[in-house]
Structures are given as structure tokens and as C-alpha cells.
Amino acid sequence: MRRALFMLVPLLAVLIVSAREPAKPVASISPAARDRGVYYLADDAEAHWVPFDLTPGNQMRFTMRLEGRAVTAILDSGVSYTLLAKASPAVDTTKLVAGGSARAIGGSVELGWMPTRTLAIGGLARTGGGVTVTDLPAIATGSASAVDLLVGADLLAGHALDIDYAAHRFRLLPSGRLPFKGATAPLRLSTERSVYESVATLGRRRLTPMIVDTGDGSSVTVTAAGWKAAALTVPSTTAISFGLAGPAVSGLAIVPELRVGELTARSTEVRIEPAGGFSQAIGAAGRIGSGFLQNYRVLLDPGARRMVFSRSNDADTPPLRSTSGLLVGIEKERLKVLHVMRGGPAAASGWKDGDLICTIDGTRITTSYATSPLASWSAGEPGRIVTLGLCDGTIRPLTLRRFY
């Protein structure tokens, strides 16, 4: 499975709860005092597959039930506690209390907490417990519509999570089950960060801990120190990602080899966070995201301390590279330039963040752009000249080329 990551920006939705209380809490409740709820896994859980679609930001979007109502959700093992969007109709403001703040990609966010009665995902049900509440903008999923929930490690980690990316479905199983064979890698639930963690090797560097984050739409992210220690000589550029607290610019390279346990992955896209970035701030070496995981059928089972990978047919196909140097987002019937990549043809021809594109080779942008053949232009054949029409009527030709 290959997604055109440069049609739209692969977005991040990572949240690590810091459990820091507000200076003046109003009816606040600390994480340690919260009801954890009681979990039930159906005897026939193996039959309870949950279908999902991949958002333009590479995250798994599906439907589940909260308090008996259908809500949209994203599976996000990089979130410590399941998060409900403040704007969701599922929020009951009469039950909402202060919940402290958290570190997130781009900065920090303020949290609330809401107790719940019932919650259900596939063969898993929970009574009692609650959800964290905060702002969850649509840009965190890379699509025009926001979702209600990010389903975090608190709901997932007690079970094995079997993700069949090729069939666009997942299921929750009893820990210890092994529904398929493949390359294994270590996996644990971090006691420090309450998220899934593993280990990777890049060049000369063993990277640990690496957060395994199904909510991160990018492939692999490493700290600046980890990248330097890997001592790889490959060209790089820049990219932008979005977390709950805002945008973050990072380096971007494609490396010939990356190892995760017994798995050796070829031609892997790697983002390099600047010094002091999110991973460094929380004491992690980086993240393994959905952009990497989607090349395999994956079993995540922290209870059995293992992750299992079964290769898809195109697991080692080189990722698409931008040949335009423009990373764009959809705004209804136009594209907004979110980042001009370092060293690319767009940077050399005067493009700026915020430029608005309404036509490509004379064809207008429509609401179906993300899934249309038109969206392939930004990673098109080197040497092709693309005619981009700005929304102010200006026409700009852009000659595509390979630059990293």
C-alpha cells in the first residue's frame, strides 16, 4: 500500500499526557484519581473486525459507540488517554471537569475530563471510566472534517491489536494470541509515558525508546541527536507536520535501511526533529508512525511484549518523493501552501507559505481533489512542467525535479 504523501501533508496527532494540574483547578480531578472502568472482551472477539478508512493524513478512521451513540474515531496508540473533541456532540458539559494540561506536537494543550458510562469498539466494551477532553481540529487528521475521538493506549493496551492495513480493518484480541506469523520486535507499554514503545536501529545508532504511534501519519521520526549519531550520508530537505498544539517543521530524508527487531525495512522515509523537539522533550528517541506500519499487517501486543510484522507485497517499494517542493492542505475548493520544502523547485521559484492554488494545469480544485488523479502532480515525473493557477488569477509554471 502506497499513499501519495505529498498530495497532502501527513499530519501528526500525538499526545502525551503530562498530568500537570492547572494553577487554579475548578472541580479538577487528577489522573491517579480517575475511574479506570471495567473492560470486557467478547468470547468471539476474533470475529469482531472493525473497518476503517485512511484519512489524507494516514490515520485509521472508524466508527465506534460512546454512551450508546455512534461516534467517529482514530486509533492512536501515541495518545496516553483516550481524547474526546471538545466540539463533539458527545461532550456532556454538565459532567466536564478540569483535567490539567499535556505536551503535544507543537506545544501544550489544556485538558478536561468527562466520566462515561459505556464505550464499545468491535469486541471490546467498557463500563465506567472516562475520557480526556480538548480541542481536536480537523487539521489533526488531514481532512476537512474533524473526528470525535482519538482512541488511546488506555483502551488498547490490555489486549492484542491486529491491524490488517491491506483489508482496512482491525480487531482486538486477548493478549498472547498470534493470528499470523512474521518478523517480531520488542514492544512494551511505557510506565513513564503510558504509550507503546519499541526499539529501532538506524545506521550506526540504536534508537530507544521509539514510540509506536498509529496516530502519527508520518513514517519514522527521530531526534536531531539520533540522526547525527546514525552518521548517514543521504540528502535531506524539510517538511511540516501538525499536532494538537500546532505545526512543527522537521528535516526529511529517505534512508536505505532501518531495522525494527527482526524486521529490515528498505527505503524508509525519516523525519528529523530539531533539537528540543517533541521526542526529545518527553525523553523518547522518536516515533514509528502509521506511514511505516501500513506497509505490513501488524500485531501490537504489549502484554506479550511483542510486535509482529507480516510484509505486504509492496513493503519495500520506495516512498513517493515530492518533486514540486510544495506541501499543501485542502481548503474547500483550493489548496493552501503549508510549507515550501528546502532545496526544492518551489523554493527556487519564489513560492511562499500561505499561497493559495485554485487550478492545476487549468483544472479547478474540487472537494474530491484528495482522491482524484489530479492530486498526483506534486510528486510527478521530474522534468514535467505543471501550470499552477493562484486564486488571485496569477499563473505560475513549476518544473518538477528530484531534490532529495
Protein backbone atom coordinates (compact mmCIF):
# COMPACT_ATOMS: atom_id res chain seq x y z
CA MET A 1 0.00 0.00 0.00
CA ARG A 2 1.42 3.37 -1.00
CA ARG A 3 -0.22 6.70 -0.33
CA ALA A 4 0.80 9.90 -2.08
CA LEU A 5 2.12 11.63 1.00
CA PHE A 6 2.88 14.79 -0.90
CA MET A 7 -0.60 15.37 -2.25
CA LEU A 8 -1.45 16.43 1.28
CA VAL A 9 0.63 16.87 4.39
CA PRO A 10 0.98 13.72 6.51
CA LEU A 11 -0.25 15.04 9.83
CA LEU A 12 0.58 14.09 13.40
CA ALA A 13 -1.88 13.60 16.21
CA VAL A 14 0.39 12.67 19.09
CA LEU A 15 -0.49 13.45 22.70
CA ILE A 16 1.44 12.50 25.81
CA VAL A 17 -0.45 13.43 28.98
CA SER A 18 1.81 15.16 31.50
CA ALA A 19 -0.69 15.06 34.35
CA ARG A 20 0.11 18.65 35.27
CA GLU A 21 -2.83 20.30 37.01
CA PRO A 22 -3.94 23.89 36.28
CA ALA A 23 -2.76 26.60 38.65
CA LYS A 24 -6.37 27.22 39.72
CA PRO A 25 -8.30 24.00 39.10
CA VAL A 26 -12.07 24.16 39.00
CA ALA A 27 -13.60 20.88 40.21
CA SER A 28 -10.47 19.19 38.88
CA ILE A 29 -9.61 15.51 39.21
CA SER A 30 -6.07 14.14 38.94
CA PRO A 31 -5.27 11.26 36.56
CA ALA A 32 -4.45 8.97 39.50
CA ALA A 33 -7.91 9.50 41.00
CA ARG A 34 -9.88 8.80 37.82
CA ASP A 35 -12.06 5.74 37.46
CA ARG A 36 -10.33 3.34 35.04
CA GLY A 37 -13.51 1.50 34.15
CA VAL A 38 -14.14 -2.22 33.71
CA TYR A 39 -13.27 -3.89 30.38
CA TYR A 40 -14.99 -6.83 28.72
CA LEU A 41 -13.68 -8.65 25.63
CA ALA A 42 -16.23 -10.79 23.80
CA ASP A 43 -15.61 -14.54 23.63
CA ASP A 44 -15.82 -14.26 19.84
CA ALA A 45 -13.59 -11.17 19.66
CA GLU A 46 -11.71 -12.62 16.68
CA ALA A 47 -14.85 -12.22 14.58
CA HIS A 48 -15.32 -8.55 15.51
CA TRP A 49 -13.32 -6.82 12.79
CA VAL A 50 -13.67 -3.02 12.72
CA PRO A 51 -13.49 -1.48 9.22
CA PHE A 52 -11.57 1.77 8.79
CA ASP A 53 -10.55 4.21 6.11
CA LEU A 54 -7.20 6.00 5.97
CA THR A 55 -7.50 9.77 6.28
CA PRO A 56 -5.44 12.00 3.98
CA GLY A 57 -3.11 12.28 7.00
CA ASN A 58 -2.63 8.47 7.07
CA GLN A 59 -4.64 7.74 10.22
CA MET A 60 -7.20 4.98 10.75
CA ARG A 61 -10.69 6.49 10.97
CA PHE A 62 -13.59 4.29 12.05
CA THR A 63 -16.92 4.30 13.87
CA MET A 64 -17.46 3.14 17.46
CA ARG A 65 -20.00 3.77 20.21
CA LEU A 66 -19.83 6.15 23.16
CA GLU A 67 -22.77 6.33 25.57
CA GLY A 68 -24.76 4.32 23.02
CA ARG A 69 -24.26 6.80 20.16
CA ALA A 70 -22.13 6.31 17.04
CA VAL A 71 -19.01 8.50 17.01
CA THR A 72 -16.08 8.80 14.61
CA ALA A 73 -12.65 7.91 15.98
CA ILE A 74 -8.97 7.49 15.11
CA LEU A 75 -6.87 4.65 16.51
CA ASP A 76 -3.97 6.40 18.23
CA SER A 77 -1.53 4.36 20.32
CA GLY A 78 0.55 7.53 20.79
CA VAL A 79 -2.15 9.07 22.99
CA SER A 80 -1.84 8.18 26.67
CA TYR A 81 -5.54 8.65 27.46
CA THR A 82 -8.45 8.50 25.02
CA LEU A 83 -9.34 12.00 23.89
CA LEU A 84 -12.77 13.41 23.07
CA ALA A 85 -13.05 16.55 20.93
CA LYS A 86 -14.45 19.49 22.86
CA ALA A 87 -16.69 20.32 19.88
CA SER A 88 -18.18 16.80 19.69
CA PRO A 89 -21.92 16.39 20.35
CA ALA A 90 -20.88 13.55 22.68
CA VAL A 91 -19.50 16.05 25.23
CA ASP A 92 -21.75 16.48 28.28
CA THR A 93 -20.73 19.84 29.70
CA THR A 94 -22.52 19.12 33.00
CA LYS A 95 -20.03 16.30 33.67
CA LEU A 96 -16.89 18.05 32.41
CA VAL A 97 -14.18 18.87 34.96
CA ALA A 98 -10.68 20.37 34.69
CA GLY A 99 -8.02 17.83 33.74
CA GLY A 100 -4.66 19.61 33.68
CA SER A 101 -2.50 20.05 30.59
CA ALA A 102 -0.40 17.93 28.28
CA ARG A 103 2.57 18.06 25.94
CA ALA A 104 1.63 17.65 22.30
CA ILE A 105 3.22 18.15 18.90
CA GLY A 106 3.67 21.91 18.54
CA GLY A 107 3.40 22.82 22.25
CA SER A 108 0.96 22.13 25.07
CA VAL A 109 -2.82 21.81 25.32
CA GLU A 110 -5.31 22.29 28.14
CA LEU A 111 -7.39 19.25 29.09
CA GLY A 112 -10.73 18.44 30.62
CA TRP A 113 -12.04 15.13 31.92
CA MET A 114 -15.51 13.59 31.42
CA PRO A 115 -16.73 10.39 33.10
CA THR A 116 -18.51 7.92 30.82
CA ARG A 117 -20.97 5.06 31.32
CA THR A 118 -20.37 2.90 28.24
CA LEU A 119 -17.93 2.63 25.36
CA ALA A 120 -17.56 -0.08 22.69
CA ILE A 121 -15.03 -0.86 19.92
CA GLY A 122 -15.51 -4.08 17.97
CA GLY A 123 -15.45 -6.92 20.51
CA LEU A 124 -14.30 -4.67 23.39
CA ALA A 125 -16.66 -2.90 25.78
CA ARG A 126 -16.01 -0.73 28.81
CA THR A 127 -18.32 0.37 31.59
CA GLY A 128 -17.36 3.33 33.74
CA GLY A 129 -14.10 5.19 33.26
CA GLY A 130 -13.91 8.42 31.32
CA VAL A 131 -12.23 10.36 28.52
CA THR A 132 -9.91 13.33 28.27
CA VAL A 133 -11.46 16.36 26.53
CA THR A 134 -9.66 19.03 24.50
CA ASP A 135 -9.75 20.85 21.17
CA LEU A 136 -9.27 18.44 18.25
CA PRO A 137 -9.05 20.40 14.99
CA ALA A 138 -9.74 18.79 11.63
CA ILE A 139 -6.16 19.52 10.53
CA ALA A 140 -5.01 16.89 13.05
CA THR A 141 -6.49 14.26 10.70
CA GLY A 142 -5.51 15.93 7.44
CA SER A 143 -9.11 16.13 6.26
CA ALA A 144 -11.89 18.67 6.07
CA SER A 145 -13.92 17.06 8.84
CA ALA A 146 -12.89 16.61 12.47
CA VAL A 147 -13.45 13.33 14.33
CA ASP A 148 -15.00 12.86 17.78
CA LEU A 149 -12.33 10.71 19.42
CA LEU A 150 -8.69 9.67 19.49
CA VAL A 151 -8.67 6.15 20.96
CA GLY A 152 -5.55 5.90 23.10
CA ALA A 153 -3.35 3.38 24.87
CA ASP A 154 -5.60 3.33 27.95
CA LEU A 155 -8.26 1.49 25.92
CA LEU A 156 -5.95 -0.60 23.73
CA ALA A 157 -3.02 -1.80 25.82
CA GLY A 158 -4.76 -4.56 27.76
CA HIS A 159 -5.27 -6.54 24.56
CA ALA A 160 -3.53 -7.52 21.32
CA LEU A 161 -4.29 -5.19 18.42
CA ASP A 162 -4.33 -6.87 14.99
CA ILE A 163 -4.24 -4.28 12.18
CA ASP A 164 -4.80 -5.55 8.65
CA TYR A 165 -3.93 -2.45 6.65
CA ALA A 166 -4.41 -4.13 3.27
CA ALA A 167 -8.02 -5.03 4.11
CA HIS A 168 -8.64 -1.75 6.00
CA ARG A 169 -9.75 -3.43 9.20
CA PHE A 170 -8.54 -4.11 12.77
CA ARG A 171 -9.63 -6.18 15.76
CA LEU A 172 -8.81 -6.52 19.47
CA LEU A 173 -7.80 -9.97 20.72
CA PRO A 174 -6.76 -11.49 24.06
CA SER A 175 -3.10 -10.75 24.78
CA GLY A 176 -0.88 -13.68 23.78
CA ARG A 177 -2.79 -14.62 20.63
CA LEU A 178 -0.70 -14.93 17.47
CA PRO A 179 -3.09 -14.78 14.49
CA PHE A 180 -0.29 -14.69 11.90
CA LYS A 181 3.47 -15.22 11.68
CA GLY A 182 6.09 -12.64 10.83
CA ALA A 183 9.14 -10.71 11.98
CA THR A 184 8.99 -9.79 15.66
CA ALA A 185 10.19 -6.74 17.58
CA PRO A 186 10.04 -5.81 21.26
CA LEU A 187 7.04 -3.80 22.47
CA ARG A 188 6.08 -2.51 25.88
CA LEU A 189 3.66 -0.10 27.49
CA SER A 190 5.82 2.66 28.90
CA THR A 191 5.37 3.28 32.62
CA GLU A 192 6.76 6.80 32.14
CA ARG A 193 4.65 7.89 29.17
CA SER A 194 1.76 5.37 29.08
CA VAL A 195 2.23 4.72 25.34
CA TYR A 196 3.56 1.84 23.19
CA GLU A 197 7.37 1.76 22.84
CA SER A 198 9.90 -0.28 20.86
CA VAL A 199 13.50 -0.09 19.58
CA ALA A 200 14.92 0.68 16.12
CA THR A 201 18.39 0.76 14.55
CA LEU A 202 19.30 3.47 12.06
CA GLY A 203 22.79 3.41 10.57
CA ARG A 204 25.21 3.21 13.50
CA ARG A 205 22.63 4.18 16.10
CA ARG A 206 20.31 2.05 18.26
CA LEU A 207 17.29 4.23 18.96
CA THR A 208 15.34 3.68 22.18
CA PRO A 209 12.64 4.23 23.18
CA MET A 210 10.75 4.61 19.90
CA ILE A 211 7.06 5.38 20.43
CA VAL A 212 4.86 3.16 18.25
CA ASP A 213 2.20 5.63 17.23
CA THR A 214 -0.70 4.60 15.00
CA GLY A 215 -2.00 8.17 15.15
CA ASP A 216 1.14 9.65 13.59
CA GLY A 217 0.60 9.77 9.85
CA SER A 218 4.30 10.04 9.00
CA SER A 219 6.64 7.07 8.70
CA VAL A 220 9.55 7.26 11.17
CA THR A 221 10.65 10.30 13.20
CA VAL A 222 13.97 10.62 15.06
CA THR A 223 15.60 13.30 17.18
CA ALA A 224 18.35 15.52 15.79
CA ALA A 225 20.85 13.79 18.10
CA GLY A 226 19.77 10.34 16.92
CA TRP A 227 20.08 11.36 13.28
CA LYS A 228 23.56 12.76 13.83
CA ALA A 229 24.69 9.61 15.67
CA ALA A 230 23.38 7.41 12.82
CA ALA A 231 26.07 9.02 10.63
CA LEU A 232 24.20 8.55 7.34
CA THR A 233 25.21 10.44 4.20
CA VAL A 234 21.88 10.95 2.41
CA PRO A 235 20.39 14.21 1.07
CA SER A 236 17.65 15.84 3.12
CA THR A 237 15.01 18.56 2.87
CA THR A 238 12.32 19.92 5.22
CA ALA A 239 8.68 19.08 5.88
CA ILE A 240 5.86 20.26 8.12
CA SER A 241 3.58 18.26 10.41
CA PHE A 242 0.65 19.22 12.60
CA GLY A 243 -0.11 18.11 16.12
CA LEU A 244 -2.85 19.06 18.53
CA ALA A 245 -0.93 22.17 19.59
CA GLY A 246 0.09 23.37 16.13
CA PRO A 247 2.67 22.94 13.34
CA ALA A 248 6.22 21.64 13.60
CA VAL A 249 8.89 21.81 10.88
CA SER A 250 11.37 18.92 10.65
CA GLY A 251 14.06 17.57 8.38
CA LEU A 252 13.15 14.86 5.88
CA ALA A 253 15.25 12.12 4.27
CA ILE A 254 14.83 8.67 2.72
CA VAL A 255 17.24 6.12 4.22
CA PRO A 256 18.31 2.87 2.54
CA GLU A 257 17.70 0.67 5.59
CA LEU A 258 16.01 0.74 9.00
CA ARG A 259 15.77 -2.19 11.43
CA VAL A 260 12.98 -2.81 13.94
CA GLY A 261 13.66 -6.05 15.80
CA GLU A 262 13.88 -8.85 13.23
CA LEU A 263 12.40 -6.61 10.53
CA THR A 264 14.65 -4.86 8.00
CA ALA A 265 12.83 -2.13 6.08
CA ARG A 266 14.22 -0.64 2.86
CA SER A 267 13.86 2.91 1.51
CA THR A 268 12.22 4.35 4.60
CA GLU A 269 11.13 7.96 4.93
CA VAL A 270 12.56 9.53 8.10
CA ARG A 271 11.72 12.88 9.68
CA ILE A 272 14.36 14.59 11.78
CA GLU A 273 13.07 16.73 14.63
CA PRO A 274 15.08 19.84 15.51
CA ALA A 275 16.95 19.99 18.83
CA GLY A 276 14.46 20.43 21.67
CA GLY A 277 11.64 18.92 19.61
CA PHE A 278 8.73 16.87 20.93
CA SER A 279 10.50 13.50 21.16
CA GLN A 280 13.49 14.93 23.00
CA ALA A 281 11.19 16.87 25.35
CA ILE A 282 9.44 13.69 26.50
CA GLY A 283 12.60 11.56 26.70
CA ALA A 284 11.97 9.48 23.56
CA ALA A 285 14.29 8.72 20.64
CA GLY A 286 11.48 9.19 18.12
CA ARG A 287 8.31 7.62 16.74
CA ILE A 288 7.25 4.81 14.40
CA GLY A 289 4.09 6.02 12.71
CA SER A 290 1.25 4.77 10.55
CA GLY A 291 3.13 5.72 7.38
CA PHE A 292 5.58 2.92 8.25
CA LEU A 293 3.16 0.44 9.81
CA GLN A 294 0.76 0.48 6.85
CA ASN A 295 3.29 -1.45 4.75
CA TYR A 296 2.59 -4.53 6.89
CA ARG A 297 -0.05 -6.45 8.71
CA VAL A 298 0.83 -5.55 12.30
CA LEU A 299 0.16 -7.12 15.69
CA LEU A 300 0.73 -4.83 18.68
CA ASP A 301 0.68 -6.80 21.94
CA PRO A 302 2.41 -5.02 24.84
CA GLY A 303 1.11 -7.66 27.27
CA ALA A 304 3.11 -10.30 25.40
CA ARG A 305 5.92 -7.74 24.90
CA ARG A 306 6.00 -8.15 21.14
CA MET A 307 5.13 -6.52 17.85
CA VAL A 308 4.76 -8.72 14.76
CA PHE A 309 5.10 -7.62 11.11
CA SER A 310 3.86 -9.52 8.06
CA ARG A 311 5.04 -7.86 4.84
CA SER A 312 2.66 -6.59 2.21
CA ASN A 313 3.57 -7.13 -1.43
CA ASP A 314 4.96 -3.61 -1.82
CA ALA A 315 6.52 -3.20 1.64
CA ASP A 316 9.92 -2.25 0.21
CA THR A 317 8.66 -0.07 -2.64
CA PRO A 318 10.41 3.31 -2.37
CA PRO A 319 8.13 6.01 -0.94
CA LEU A 320 6.87 8.78 -3.16
CA ARG A 321 9.11 11.83 -3.16
CA SER A 322 7.92 15.36 -3.67
CA THR A 323 9.26 16.73 -6.93
CA SER A 324 7.48 20.07 -6.53
CA GLY A 325 8.77 21.08 -3.10
CA LEU A 326 5.27 22.17 -2.04
CA LEU A 327 3.33 20.65 0.86
CA VAL A 328 -0.30 21.69 0.66
CA GLY A 329 -3.56 21.33 2.54
CA ILE A 330 -7.12 21.40 1.21
CA GLU A 331 -9.33 24.39 1.98
CA LYS A 332 -12.66 23.53 0.34
CA GLU A 333 -12.06 24.20 -3.39
CA ARG A 334 -8.50 25.42 -3.17
CA LEU A 335 -5.08 24.34 -1.91
CA LYS A 336 -3.11 26.28 0.67
CA VAL A 337 0.68 26.05 0.68
CA LEU A 338 1.59 24.96 4.20
CA HIS A 339 5.32 24.54 3.65
CA VAL A 340 7.90 25.20 0.94
CA MET A 341 10.50 22.43 1.20
CA ARG A 342 14.17 23.37 1.48
CA GLY A 343 16.14 22.97 -1.75
CA GLY A 344 13.12 22.18 -3.91
CA PRO A 345 11.99 23.76 -7.20
CA ALA A 346 9.23 25.74 -5.46
CA ALA A 347 11.73 27.36 -3.09
CA ALA A 348 13.89 28.32 -6.08
CA SER A 349 10.96 29.97 -7.87
CA GLY A 350 9.63 32.18 -5.09
CA TRP A 351 6.75 30.23 -3.59
CA LYS A 352 5.72 31.21 -0.04
CA ASP A 353 3.78 29.62 2.81
CA GLY A 354 0.15 30.70 2.55
CA ASP A 355 -0.03 30.89 -1.26
CA LEU A 356 -3.45 29.71 -2.49
CA ILE A 357 -3.84 27.45 -5.55
CA CYS A 358 -7.19 27.19 -7.34
CA THR A 359 -6.23 25.38 -10.59
CA ILE A 360 -3.71 22.77 -11.74
CA ASP A 361 -2.95 22.67 -15.47
CA GLY A 362 -6.20 24.61 -15.98
CA THR A 363 -8.36 22.20 -13.96
CA ARG A 364 -10.11 23.65 -10.93
CA ILE A 365 -9.66 22.15 -7.46
CA THR A 366 -12.84 20.45 -6.21
CA THR A 367 -13.92 18.82 -2.97
CA SER A 368 -12.96 15.42 -4.42
CA TYR A 369 -9.36 16.53 -5.03
CA ALA A 370 -7.72 14.27 -2.41
CA THR A 371 -8.87 11.07 -4.14
CA SER A 372 -8.60 12.28 -7.73
CA PRO A 373 -5.75 11.66 -10.21
CA LEU A 374 -5.20 15.43 -10.24
CA ALA A 375 -3.57 15.21 -6.80
CA SER A 376 -0.55 13.31 -8.14
CA TRP A 377 1.05 16.43 -9.62
CA SER A 378 3.21 17.31 -6.58
CA ALA A 379 5.15 14.04 -6.86
CA GLY A 380 5.10 13.86 -10.65
CA GLU A 381 7.80 12.85 -13.12
CA PRO A 382 10.94 15.03 -12.94
CA GLY A 383 11.10 17.42 -15.91
CA ARG A 384 7.33 17.83 -16.16
CA ILE A 385 6.12 21.45 -16.18
CA VAL A 386 2.99 21.93 -14.04
CA THR A 387 0.95 25.09 -14.52
CA LEU A 388 -0.43 26.25 -11.17
CA GLY A 389 -3.14 28.89 -11.04
CA LEU A 390 -3.20 31.01 -7.91
CA CYS A 391 -6.55 32.13 -6.60
CA ASP A 392 -5.71 35.77 -7.39
CA GLY A 393 -5.51 34.89 -11.09
CA THR A 394 -1.70 34.63 -11.29
CA ILE A 395 -0.37 31.69 -13.33
CA ARG A 396 2.94 30.10 -12.28
CA PRO A 397 4.70 27.28 -14.15
CA LEU A 398 6.71 24.89 -11.96
CA THR A 399 9.28 22.45 -13.37
CA LEU A 400 9.38 19.30 -11.27
CA ARG A 401 12.71 17.77 -10.25
CA ARG A 402 14.20 15.35 -7.74
CA PHE A 403 15.97 17.18 -4.92
CA TYR A 404 16.40 14.73 -2.01
